[in-house]
Amino acid sequence: MSVHYIKTGYERARSRPRLAAIMYAANLAMGLLLSIPILIAFSQATELSGYSDQMAEGFDLALWADLFESSGPLLPTLVAQLMWVLPILFVWKMGSSAGLIHAQSEGGSRSFWKGFGQHTGKATVLGMLYMIPTLVWIILVVLVATVLSTVLTGEVGSFWVQFVFSPLALFLGIAFIDMMHDFGRIELVLGKKGIMDSWFSGMKWPLHSGNANSIYLGWMMFGLLFLVLPFMLDLSLGGLFLAFIVQQILLLGRSFITVGWISSEVVFFQEMFPELADDTDDKSVSDAELGQGI
């Protein structure tokens, strides 16, 4: 049954390609905004370091640690710059997700930017609330890993605790919470609930329906595929230009997956609660806007 919703989400995303284009352009800009302070810090840390030959041979974590340790205030400066960049990225992520939910409701006939403007504030606060279970889960995994490290001693035990249990537990737990967040945001935008009600409602969704879990896992597999695909391709023969083109195609593909992912969840939610599908406040979207897909 979840295949139906994934297919419908794909069709919704394909019918409004400019939504994926908006996500692609914005993510590209946000990536550039994030990379500039990191690039400056790395450039200054490696400038006149005398380790150019060693760096060209491969990545050496100890060498990079020594460089940053000897670079004085560069690392604190990088952290200070990221302190204002990361909140911007967070607000965009929350607002754009709310805008996509709004845009893909009612058969995908609503405005992305109107949804973005209406719901960004509340969606941001809701996202901050979902940091609470995320932090609790991280602390819990660290505590369990610490206990396991005292029980499973030796190199084999340390390997299983540090490189198998800990990353797998963190990944699964955070994905679980992210799914709660997705449906909590839908409750906020389409269910017309308050922030706290949406938070509590989202926490119940993994137990509410098996289809909700299947939809999330299905799209997550596509997302992971596009995430690891660059590491599976040998782009060395094509040079920097080919690598750049492939990266942009994959970035556009991930943007399309984001639109389809949210579309599938919206379709499922509105089929679960059909009485909310008739509660429209955006029926005045112009034909021109529908044609532009924004």
C-alpha atoms as a PDB file:
ATOM      1  CA  MET A   1       0.000   0.000   0.000  1.00  0.00           C
ATOM      2  CA  SER A   2       2.882   2.394   0.741  1.00  0.00           C
ATOM      3  CA  VAL A   3       4.077   1.956  -2.874  1.00  0.00           C
ATOM      4  CA  HIS A   4       0.907   3.774  -3.961  1.00  0.00           C
ATOM      5  CA  TYR A   5       1.796   6.811  -1.847  1.00  0.00           C
ATOM      6  CA  ILE A   6       5.414   6.823  -2.994  1.00  0.00           C
ATOM      7  CA  LYS A   7       4.267   6.671  -6.612  1.00  0.00           C
ATOM      8  CA  THR A   8       1.738   9.452  -6.022  1.00  0.00           C
ATOM      9  CA  GLY A   9       4.417  11.588  -4.375  1.00  0.00           C
ATOM     10  CA  TYR A  10       6.659  11.023  -7.382  1.00  0.00           C
ATOM     11  CA  GLU A  11       3.872  12.091  -9.754  1.00  0.00           C
ATOM     12  CA  ARG A  12       3.177  15.193  -7.664  1.00  0.00           C
ATOM     13  CA  ALA A  13       6.848  16.153  -7.714  1.00  0.00           C
ATOM     14  CA  ARG A  14       7.089  15.564 -11.473  1.00  0.00           C
ATOM     15  CA  SER A  15       3.990  17.680 -12.115  1.00  0.00           C
ATOM     16  CA  ARG A  16       5.562  20.707 -10.389  1.00  0.00           C
ATOM     17  CA  PRO A  17       9.263  20.625 -11.329  1.00  0.00           C
ATOM     18  CA  ARG A  18       9.823  24.214 -10.257  1.00  0.00           C
ATOM     19  CA  LEU A  19       9.418  23.168  -6.631  1.00  0.00           C
ATOM     20  CA  ALA A  20      12.478  20.937  -7.040  1.00  0.00           C
ATOM     21  CA  ALA A  21      14.229  23.814  -8.840  1.00  0.00           C
ATOM     22  CA  ILE A  22      13.491  26.143  -5.905  1.00  0.00           C
ATOM     23  CA  MET A  23      14.904  23.598  -3.468  1.00  0.00           C
ATOM     24  CA  TYR A  24      17.950  23.030  -5.680  1.00  0.00           C
ATOM     25  CA  ALA A  25      18.748  26.733  -6.038  1.00  0.00           C
ATOM     26  CA  ALA A  26      18.216  27.446  -2.349  1.00  0.00           C
ATOM     27  CA  ASN A  27      20.251  24.432  -1.206  1.00  0.00           C
ATOM     28  CA  LEU A  28      23.040  25.437  -3.573  1.00  0.00           C
ATOM     29  CA  ALA A  29      23.057  28.941  -2.104  1.00  0.00           C
ATOM     30  CA  MET A  30      22.928  27.625   1.460  1.00  0.00           C
ATOM     31  CA  GLY A  31      25.758  25.202   0.722  1.00  0.00           C
ATOM     32  CA  LEU A  32      27.847  28.069  -0.617  1.00  0.00           C
ATOM     33  CA  LEU A  33      27.025  30.157   2.452  1.00  0.00           C
ATOM     34  CA  LEU A  34      28.129  27.302   4.706  1.00  0.00           C
ATOM     35  CA  SER A  35      31.268  26.432   2.755  1.00  0.00           C
ATOM     36  CA  ILE A  36      32.752  29.943   2.536  1.00  0.00           C
ATOM     37  CA  PRO A  37      33.772  30.284   6.224  1.00  0.00           C
ATOM     38  CA  ILE A  38      35.009  26.674   6.249  1.00  0.00           C
ATOM     39  CA  LEU A  39      37.046  27.251   3.077  1.00  0.00           C
ATOM     40  CA  ILE A  40      38.570  30.436   4.487  1.00  0.00           C
ATOM     41  CA  ALA A  41      39.547  28.697   7.724  1.00  0.00           C
ATOM     42  CA  PHE A  42      41.073  25.716   5.894  1.00  0.00           C
ATOM     43  CA  SER A  43      42.900  27.982   3.459  1.00  0.00           C
ATOM     44  CA  GLN A  44      44.407  30.087   6.213  1.00  0.00           C
ATOM     45  CA  ALA A  45      45.313  27.019   8.261  1.00  0.00           C
ATOM     46  CA  THR A  46      47.202  25.416   5.364  1.00  0.00           C
ATOM     47  CA  GLU A  47      48.795  28.591   3.993  1.00  0.00           C
ATOM     48  CA  LEU A  48      52.572  28.408   4.156  1.00  0.00           C
ATOM     49  CA  SER A  49      52.299  25.301   6.329  1.00  0.00           C
ATOM     50  CA  GLY A  50      55.065  23.429   4.542  1.00  0.00           C
ATOM     51  CA  TYR A  51      52.984  20.257   4.432  1.00  0.00           C
ATOM     52  CA  SER A  52      51.729  20.553   0.843  1.00  0.00           C
ATOM     53  CA  ASP A  53      53.319  17.286  -0.289  1.00  0.00           C
ATOM     54  CA  GLN A  54      51.849  15.285   2.596  1.00  0.00           C
ATOM     55  CA  MET A  55      48.375  16.776   2.027  1.00  0.00           C
ATOM     56  CA  ALA A  56      48.483  15.907  -1.654  1.00  0.00           C
ATOM     57  CA  GLU A  57      49.171  12.258  -0.817  1.00  0.00           C
ATOM     58  CA  GLY A  58      45.954  11.829   1.157  1.00  0.00           C
ATOM     59  CA  PHE A  59      43.909  12.858   4.170  1.00  0.00           C
ATOM     60  CA  ASP A  60      45.831  12.738   7.465  1.00  0.00           C
ATOM     61  CA  LEU A  61      43.672  13.511  10.494  1.00  0.00           C
ATOM     62  CA  ALA A  62      46.648  13.988  12.824  1.00  0.00           C
ATOM     63  CA  LEU A  63      48.235  16.452  10.408  1.00  0.00           C
ATOM     64  CA  TRP A  64      45.034  18.487  10.137  1.00  0.00           C
ATOM     65  CA  ALA A  65      44.670  18.507  13.927  1.00  0.00           C
ATOM     66  CA  ASP A  66      48.217  19.828  14.308  1.00  0.00           C
ATOM     67  CA  LEU A  67      47.550  22.508  11.686  1.00  0.00           C
ATOM     68  CA  PHE A  68      44.441  23.779  13.432  1.00  0.00           C
ATOM     69  CA  GLU A  69      46.137  23.633  16.826  1.00  0.00           C
ATOM     70  CA  SER A  70      48.973  25.789  15.541  1.00  0.00           C
ATOM     71  CA  SER A  71      46.665  28.163  13.677  1.00  0.00           C
ATOM     72  CA  GLY A  72      45.732  30.160  16.761  1.00  0.00           C
ATOM     73  CA  PRO A  73      42.272  31.752  16.729  1.00  0.00           C
ATOM     74  CA  LEU A  74      41.184  30.361  13.356  1.00  0.00           C
ATOM     75  CA  LEU A  75      39.073  27.524  14.764  1.00  0.00           C
ATOM     76  CA  PRO A  76      37.201  29.770  17.244  1.00  0.00           C
ATOM     77  CA  THR A  77      36.657  32.233  14.388  1.00  0.00           C
ATOM     78  CA  LEU A  78      35.208  29.452  12.231  1.00  0.00           C
ATOM     79  CA  VAL A  79      32.865  28.410  15.044  1.00  0.00           C
ATOM     80  CA  ALA A  80      31.792  32.041  15.546  1.00  0.00           C
ATOM     81  CA  GLN A  81      30.973  32.380  11.827  1.00  0.00           C
ATOM     82  CA  LEU A  82      29.006  29.135  11.786  1.00  0.00           C
ATOM     83  CA  MET A  83      26.992  30.324  14.789  1.00  0.00           C
ATOM     84  CA  TRP A  84      25.094  32.739  12.530  1.00  0.00           C
ATOM     85  CA  VAL A  85      25.144  30.590   9.381  1.00  0.00           C
ATOM     86  CA  LEU A  86      23.631  27.457  10.928  1.00  0.00           C
ATOM     87  CA  PRO A  87      20.502  29.217  12.296  1.00  0.00           C
ATOM     88  CA  ILE A  88      19.816  30.568   8.798  1.00  0.00           C
ATOM     89  CA  LEU A  89      20.095  27.049   7.377  1.00  0.00           C
ATOM     90  CA  PHE A  90      17.814  25.727  10.104  1.00  0.00           C
ATOM     91  CA  VAL A  91      15.118  28.353   9.519  1.00  0.00           C
ATOM     92  CA  TRP A  92      15.231  27.729   5.753  1.00  0.00           C
ATOM     93  CA  LYS A  93      14.929  23.973   6.278  1.00  0.00           C
ATOM     94  CA  MET A  94      11.909  24.368   8.556  1.00  0.00           C
ATOM     95  CA  GLY A  95      10.229  27.018   6.405  1.00  0.00           C
ATOM     96  CA  SER A  96      10.825  25.283   3.072  1.00  0.00           C
ATOM     97  CA  SER A  97       9.451  21.993   4.422  1.00  0.00           C
ATOM     98  CA  ALA A  98       6.325  23.788   5.634  1.00  0.00           C
ATOM     99  CA  GLY A  99       6.049  25.518   2.256  1.00  0.00           C
ATOM    100  CA  LEU A 100       6.254  22.192   0.431  1.00  0.00           C
ATOM    101  CA  ILE A 101       3.556  20.695   2.665  1.00  0.00           C
ATOM    102  CA  HIS A 102       1.299  23.650   1.905  1.00  0.00           C
ATOM    103  CA  ALA A 103       2.114  23.520  -1.823  1.00  0.00           C
ATOM    104  CA  GLN A 104       1.446  19.796  -2.221  1.00  0.00           C
ATOM    105  CA  SER A 105      -1.869  19.753  -0.368  1.00  0.00           C
ATOM    106  CA  GLU A 106      -5.173  19.904  -2.250  1.00  0.00           C
ATOM    107  CA  GLY A 107      -3.786  17.930  -5.157  1.00  0.00           C
ATOM    108  CA  GLY A 108      -0.664  20.091  -5.315  1.00  0.00           C
ATOM    109  CA  SER A 109      -2.561  23.269  -6.157  1.00  0.00           C
ATOM    110  CA  ARG A 110      -1.311  25.632  -3.464  1.00  0.00           C
ATOM    111  CA  SER A 111       1.475  28.202  -3.350  1.00  0.00           C
ATOM    112  CA  PHE A 112       4.877  27.279  -1.920  1.00  0.00           C
ATOM    113  CA  TRP A 113       5.790  30.837  -1.013  1.00  0.00           C
ATOM    114  CA  LYS A 114       2.476  31.532   0.677  1.00  0.00           C
ATOM    115  CA  GLY A 115       2.934  28.434   2.813  1.00  0.00           C
ATOM    116  CA  PHE A 116       6.521  29.476   3.528  1.00  0.00           C
ATOM    117  CA  GLY A 117       5.387  32.903   4.699  1.00  0.00           C
ATOM    118  CA  GLN A 118       2.497  31.626   6.796  1.00  0.00           C
ATOM    119  CA  HIS A 119       4.158  28.755   8.620  1.00  0.00           C
ATOM    120  CA  THR A 120       7.926  29.389   8.882  1.00  0.00           C
ATOM    121  CA  GLY A 121       7.746  30.904  12.372  1.00  0.00           C
ATOM    122  CA  LYS A 122       5.733  28.111  13.964  1.00  0.00           C
ATOM    123  CA  ALA A 123       7.591  25.438  11.999  1.00  0.00           C
ATOM    124  CA  THR A 124      10.904  26.785  13.330  1.00  0.00           C
ATOM    125  CA  VAL A 125       9.689  26.630  16.929  1.00  0.00           C
ATOM    126  CA  LEU A 126       8.373  23.109  16.309  1.00  0.00           C
ATOM    127  CA  GLY A 127      11.757  22.100  14.899  1.00  0.00           C
ATOM    128  CA  MET A 128      13.471  23.422  18.023  1.00  0.00           C
ATOM    129  CA  LEU A 129      11.145  21.305  20.173  1.00  0.00           C
ATOM    130  CA  TYR A 130      12.133  18.201  18.228  1.00  0.00           C
ATOM    131  CA  MET A 131      15.737  18.885  19.208  1.00  0.00           C
ATOM    132  CA  ILE A 132      14.774  17.754  22.723  1.00  0.00           C
ATOM    133  CA  PRO A 133      14.144  14.070  21.888  1.00  0.00           C
ATOM    134  CA  THR A 134      17.138  14.165  19.537  1.00  0.00           C
ATOM    135  CA  LEU A 135      19.469  15.308  22.330  1.00  0.00           C
ATOM    136  CA  VAL A 136      17.922  12.809  24.744  1.00  0.00           C
ATOM    137  CA  TRP A 137      18.543   9.988  22.261  1.00  0.00           C
ATOM    138  CA  ILE A 138      22.161  11.067  21.656  1.00  0.00           C
ATOM    139  CA  ILE A 139      22.841  11.156  25.412  1.00  0.00           C
ATOM    140  CA  LEU A 140      21.190   7.753  25.831  1.00  0.00           C
ATOM    141  CA  VAL A 141      23.299   6.195  23.067  1.00  0.00           C
ATOM    142  CA  VAL A 142      26.483   7.662  24.574  1.00  0.00           C
ATOM    143  CA  LEU A 143      25.601   6.253  28.006  1.00  0.00           C
ATOM    144  CA  VAL A 144      24.781   2.795  26.616  1.00  0.00           C
ATOM    145  CA  ALA A 145      27.957   2.805  24.505  1.00  0.00           C
ATOM    146  CA  THR A 146      29.980   3.719  27.587  1.00  0.00           C
ATOM    147  CA  VAL A 147      28.504   0.825  29.539  1.00  0.00           C
ATOM    148  CA  LEU A 148      29.072  -1.572  26.640  1.00  0.00           C
ATOM    149  CA  SER A 149      32.685  -0.433  26.357  1.00  0.00           C
ATOM    150  CA  THR A 150      33.314  -1.529  29.936  1.00  0.00           C
ATOM    151  CA  VAL A 151      31.725  -4.925  29.245  1.00  0.00           C
ATOM    152  CA  LEU A 152      33.042  -5.606  25.732  1.00  0.00           C
ATOM    153  CA  THR A 153      36.744  -5.029  26.203  1.00  0.00           C
ATOM    154  CA  GLY A 154      39.489  -5.516  23.678  1.00  0.00           C
ATOM    155  CA  GLU A 155      39.812  -4.401  20.064  1.00  0.00           C
ATOM    156  CA  VAL A 156      36.900  -6.490  18.805  1.00  0.00           C
ATOM    157  CA  GLY A 157      34.551  -5.188  21.490  1.00  0.00           C
ATOM    158  CA  SER A 158      35.626  -1.592  20.903  1.00  0.00           C
ATOM    159  CA  PHE A 159      35.091  -2.021  17.167  1.00  0.00           C
ATOM    160  CA  TRP A 160      31.514  -3.267  17.596  1.00  0.00           C
ATOM    161  CA  VAL A 161      30.646  -0.556  20.109  1.00  0.00           C
ATOM    162  CA  GLN A 162      32.280   2.417  18.373  1.00  0.00           C
ATOM    163  CA  PHE A 163      31.847   1.566  14.697  1.00  0.00           C
ATOM    164  CA  VAL A 164      28.708  -0.598  14.607  1.00  0.00           C
ATOM    165  CA  PHE A 165      26.391  -0.057  17.574  1.00  0.00           C
ATOM    166  CA  SER A 166      26.890   3.678  18.155  1.00  0.00           C
ATOM    167  CA  PRO A 167      26.521   4.957  14.544  1.00  0.00           C
ATOM    168  CA  LEU A 168      23.698   2.521  13.771  1.00  0.00           C
ATOM    169  CA  ALA A 169      21.769   3.429  16.934  1.00  0.00           C
ATOM    170  CA  LEU A 170      22.251   7.143  16.312  1.00  0.00           C
ATOM    171  CA  PHE A 171      21.163   6.848  12.668  1.00  0.00           C
ATOM    172  CA  LEU A 172      18.036   4.785  13.381  1.00  0.00           C
ATOM    173  CA  GLY A 173      16.993   6.881  16.364  1.00  0.00           C
ATOM    174  CA  ILE A 174      17.440  10.210  14.595  1.00  0.00           C
ATOM    175  CA  ALA A 175      15.605   8.879  11.505  1.00  0.00           C
ATOM    176  CA  PHE A 176      12.759   7.772  13.792  1.00  0.00           C
ATOM    177  CA  ILE A 177      12.579  11.247  15.341  1.00  0.00           C
ATOM    178  CA  ASP A 178      12.823  12.899  11.915  1.00  0.00           C
ATOM    179  CA  MET A 179       9.766  10.949  10.793  1.00  0.00           C
ATOM    180  CA  MET A 180       7.898  12.174  13.881  1.00  0.00           C
ATOM    181  CA  HIS A 181       8.982  15.687  12.939  1.00  0.00           C
ATOM    182  CA  ASP A 182       7.701  15.285   9.369  1.00  0.00           C
ATOM    183  CA  PHE A 183       4.204  14.326  10.462  1.00  0.00           C
ATOM    184  CA  GLY A 184       4.226  16.801  13.332  1.00  0.00           C
ATOM    185  CA  ARG A 185       4.903  19.542  10.772  1.00  0.00           C
ATOM    186  CA  ILE A 186       2.045  18.240   8.611  1.00  0.00           C
ATOM    187  CA  GLU A 187      -0.226  18.359  11.672  1.00  0.00           C
ATOM    188  CA  LEU A 188       0.854  21.979  12.142  1.00  0.00           C
ATOM    189  CA  VAL A 189       0.310  23.095   8.539  1.00  0.00           C
ATOM    190  CA  LEU A 190      -2.664  20.994   7.424  1.00  0.00           C
ATOM    191  CA  GLY A 191      -4.153  19.886  10.726  1.00  0.00           C
ATOM    192  CA  LYS A 192      -4.275  23.509  11.930  1.00  0.00           C
ATOM    193  CA  LYS A 193      -2.972  22.437  15.341  1.00  0.00           C
ATOM    194  CA  GLY A 194      -0.920  24.443  17.761  1.00  0.00           C
ATOM    195  CA  ILE A 195       2.800  23.942  18.194  1.00  0.00           C
ATOM    196  CA  MET A 196       2.620  21.728  21.296  1.00  0.00           C
ATOM    197  CA  ASP A 197      -0.314  19.710  19.943  1.00  0.00           C
ATOM    198  CA  SER A 198       1.603  19.150  16.700  1.00  0.00           C
ATOM    199  CA  TRP A 199       4.666  18.061  18.672  1.00  0.00           C
ATOM    200  CA  PHE A 200       2.751  15.474  20.683  1.00  0.00           C
ATOM    201  CA  SER A 201       0.794  14.303  17.615  1.00  0.00           C
ATOM    202  CA  GLY A 202       3.987  13.837  15.635  1.00  0.00           C
ATOM    203  CA  MET A 203       5.495  11.713  18.406  1.00  0.00           C
ATOM    204  CA  LYS A 204       2.589   9.253  18.022  1.00  0.00           C
ATOM    205  CA  TRP A 205       2.803   8.779  14.243  1.00  0.00           C
ATOM    206  CA  PRO A 206       5.369   5.920  14.159  1.00  0.00           C
ATOM    207  CA  LEU A 207       2.882   3.846  16.189  1.00  0.00           C
ATOM    208  CA  HIS A 208      -0.147   5.283  14.405  1.00  0.00           C
ATOM    209  CA  SER A 209       0.282   3.601  11.029  1.00  0.00           C
ATOM    210  CA  GLY A 210       2.607   1.106   9.391  1.00  0.00           C
ATOM    211  CA  ASN A 211       2.175   2.910   6.063  1.00  0.00           C
ATOM    212  CA  ALA A 212       3.657   6.067   7.559  1.00  0.00           C
ATOM    213  CA  ASN A 213       6.796   4.134   8.484  1.00  0.00           C
ATOM    214  CA  SER A 214       6.954   2.450   5.061  1.00  0.00           C
ATOM    215  CA  ILE A 215       6.620   5.752   3.191  1.00  0.00           C
ATOM    216  CA  TYR A 216       9.415   7.309   5.223  1.00  0.00           C
ATOM    217  CA  LEU A 217      11.710   4.284   4.865  1.00  0.00           C
ATOM    218  CA  GLY A 218      11.027   4.017   1.126  1.00  0.00           C
ATOM    219  CA  TRP A 219      12.004   7.603   0.388  1.00  0.00           C
ATOM    220  CA  MET A 220      14.906   7.401   2.838  1.00  0.00           C
ATOM    221  CA  MET A 221      16.384   4.578   0.763  1.00  0.00           C
ATOM    222  CA  PHE A 222      16.245   6.766  -2.355  1.00  0.00           C
ATOM    223  CA  GLY A 223      17.805   9.636  -0.421  1.00  0.00           C
ATOM    224  CA  LEU A 224      20.633   7.451   0.883  1.00  0.00           C
ATOM    225  CA  LEU A 225      21.294   6.144  -2.616  1.00  0.00           C
ATOM    226  CA  PHE A 226      21.761   9.663  -3.983  1.00  0.00           C
ATOM    227  CA  LEU A 227      23.898  10.499  -0.954  1.00  0.00           C
ATOM    228  CA  VAL A 228      26.384   7.641  -1.391  1.00  0.00           C
ATOM    229  CA  LEU A 229      26.320   7.555  -5.197  1.00  0.00           C
ATOM    230  CA  PRO A 230      29.158  10.118  -5.581  1.00  0.00           C
ATOM    231  CA  PHE A 231      31.435   7.818  -3.551  1.00  0.00           C
ATOM    232  CA  MET A 232      30.570   4.882  -5.825  1.00  0.00           C
ATOM    233  CA  LEU A 233      31.437   6.708  -9.049  1.00  0.00           C
ATOM    234  CA  ASP A 234      34.964   7.097 -10.360  1.00  0.00           C
ATOM    235  CA  LEU A 235      35.053  10.696 -11.553  1.00  0.00           C
ATOM    236  CA  SER A 236      38.814  11.038 -11.669  1.00  0.00           C
ATOM    237  CA  LEU A 237      38.999  10.418 -15.435  1.00  0.00           C
ATOM    238  CA  GLY A 238      36.551  13.187 -16.230  1.00  0.00           C
ATOM    239  CA  GLY A 239      38.315  15.886 -14.276  1.00  0.00           C
ATOM    240  CA  LEU A 240      36.798  18.655 -12.188  1.00  0.00           C
ATOM    241  CA  PHE A 241      34.232  19.677 -14.802  1.00  0.00           C
ATOM    242  CA  LEU A 242      32.615  16.228 -14.969  1.00  0.00           C
ATOM    243  CA  ALA A 243      32.685  15.958 -11.183  1.00  0.00           C
ATOM    244  CA  PHE A 244      30.943  19.336 -10.934  1.00  0.00           C
ATOM    245  CA  ILE A 245      28.223  18.349 -13.456  1.00  0.00           C
ATOM    246  CA  VAL A 246      27.555  15.032 -11.702  1.00  0.00           C
ATOM    247  CA  GLN A 247      27.365  16.775  -8.314  1.00  0.00           C
ATOM    248  CA  GLN A 248      24.783  19.234  -9.635  1.00  0.00           C
ATOM    249  CA  ILE A 249      22.685  16.435 -11.150  1.00  0.00           C
ATOM    250  CA  LEU A 250      22.736  14.548  -7.861  1.00  0.00           C
ATOM    251  CA  LEU A 251      21.903  17.715  -5.921  1.00  0.00           C
ATOM    252  CA  LEU A 252      18.922  18.316  -8.211  1.00  0.00           C
ATOM    253  CA  GLY A 253      17.921  14.674  -7.764  1.00  0.00           C
ATOM    254  CA  ARG A 254      18.011  15.021  -3.967  1.00  0.00           C
ATOM    255  CA  SER A 255      15.848  18.129  -4.257  1.00  0.00           C
ATOM    256  CA  PHE A 256      13.342  16.159  -6.344  1.00  0.00           C
ATOM    257  CA  ILE A 257      13.380  13.404  -3.717  1.00  0.00           C
ATOM    258  CA  THR A 258      12.638  15.963  -1.000  1.00  0.00           C
ATOM    259  CA  VAL A 259       9.584  17.209  -2.884  1.00  0.00           C
ATOM    260  CA  GLY A 260       8.353  13.680  -3.618  1.00  0.00           C
ATOM    261  CA  TRP A 261       8.997  12.556  -0.050  1.00  0.00           C
ATOM    262  CA  ILE A 262       6.918  15.329   1.490  1.00  0.00           C
ATOM    263  CA  SER A 263       4.251  14.935  -1.205  1.00  0.00           C
ATOM    264  CA  SER A 264       3.798  11.250  -0.324  1.00  0.00           C
ATOM    265  CA  GLU A 265       3.407  12.046   3.363  1.00  0.00           C
ATOM    266  CA  VAL A 266       0.906  14.801   2.583  1.00  0.00           C
ATOM    267  CA  VAL A 267      -1.178  12.497   0.362  1.00  0.00           C
ATOM    268  CA  PHE A 268      -1.191   9.810   3.049  1.00  0.00           C
ATOM    269  CA  PHE A 269      -2.144  12.299   5.768  1.00  0.00           C
ATOM    270  CA  GLN A 270      -5.030  13.716   3.758  1.00  0.00           C
ATOM    271  CA  GLU A 271      -6.344  10.241   2.976  1.00  0.00           C
ATOM    272  CA  MET A 272      -6.186   9.412   6.672  1.00  0.00           C
ATOM    273  CA  PHE A 273      -8.060  12.620   7.530  1.00  0.00           C
ATOM    274  CA  PRO A 274     -10.224  13.452   4.492  1.00  0.00           C
ATOM    275  CA  GLU A 275     -12.247  15.978   6.478  1.00  0.00           C
ATOM    276  CA  LEU A 276      -9.168  18.255   6.497  1.00  0.00           C
ATOM    277  CA  ALA A 277      -8.838  18.121   2.714  1.00  0.00           C
ATOM    278  CA  ASP A 278     -11.874  20.344   2.270  1.00  0.00           C
ATOM    279  CA  ASP A 279     -10.623  22.985   4.700  1.00  0.00           C
ATOM    280  CA  THR A 280      -8.865  25.203   2.173  1.00  0.00           C
ATOM    281  CA  ASP A 281      -7.699  28.731   2.662  1.00  0.00           C
ATOM    282  CA  ASP A 282      -5.770  29.069  -0.569  1.00  0.00           C
ATOM    283  CA  LYS A 283      -8.261  28.339  -3.358  1.00  0.00           C
ATOM    284  CA  SER A 284      -7.477  31.685  -4.944  1.00  0.00           C
ATOM    285  CA  VAL A 285      -4.139  30.547  -6.384  1.00  0.00           C
ATOM    286  CA  SER A 286      -3.926  32.010  -9.853  1.00  0.00           C
ATOM    287  CA  ASP A 287      -3.777  29.944 -13.010  1.00  0.00           C
ATOM    288  CA  ALA A 288      -0.483  31.624 -13.852  1.00  0.00           C
ATOM    289  CA  GLU A 289       1.026  30.467 -10.552  1.00  0.00           C
ATOM    290  CA  LEU A 290      -0.207  26.928 -11.126  1.00  0.00           C
ATOM    291  CA  GLY A 291       1.428  26.958 -14.524  1.00  0.00           C
ATOM    292  CA  GLN A 292       4.707  28.105 -13.021  1.00  0.00           C
ATOM    293  CA  GLY A 293       4.565  25.457 -10.317  1.00  0.00           C
ATOM    294  CA  ILE A 294       5.380  27.810  -7.447  1.00  0.00           C
END
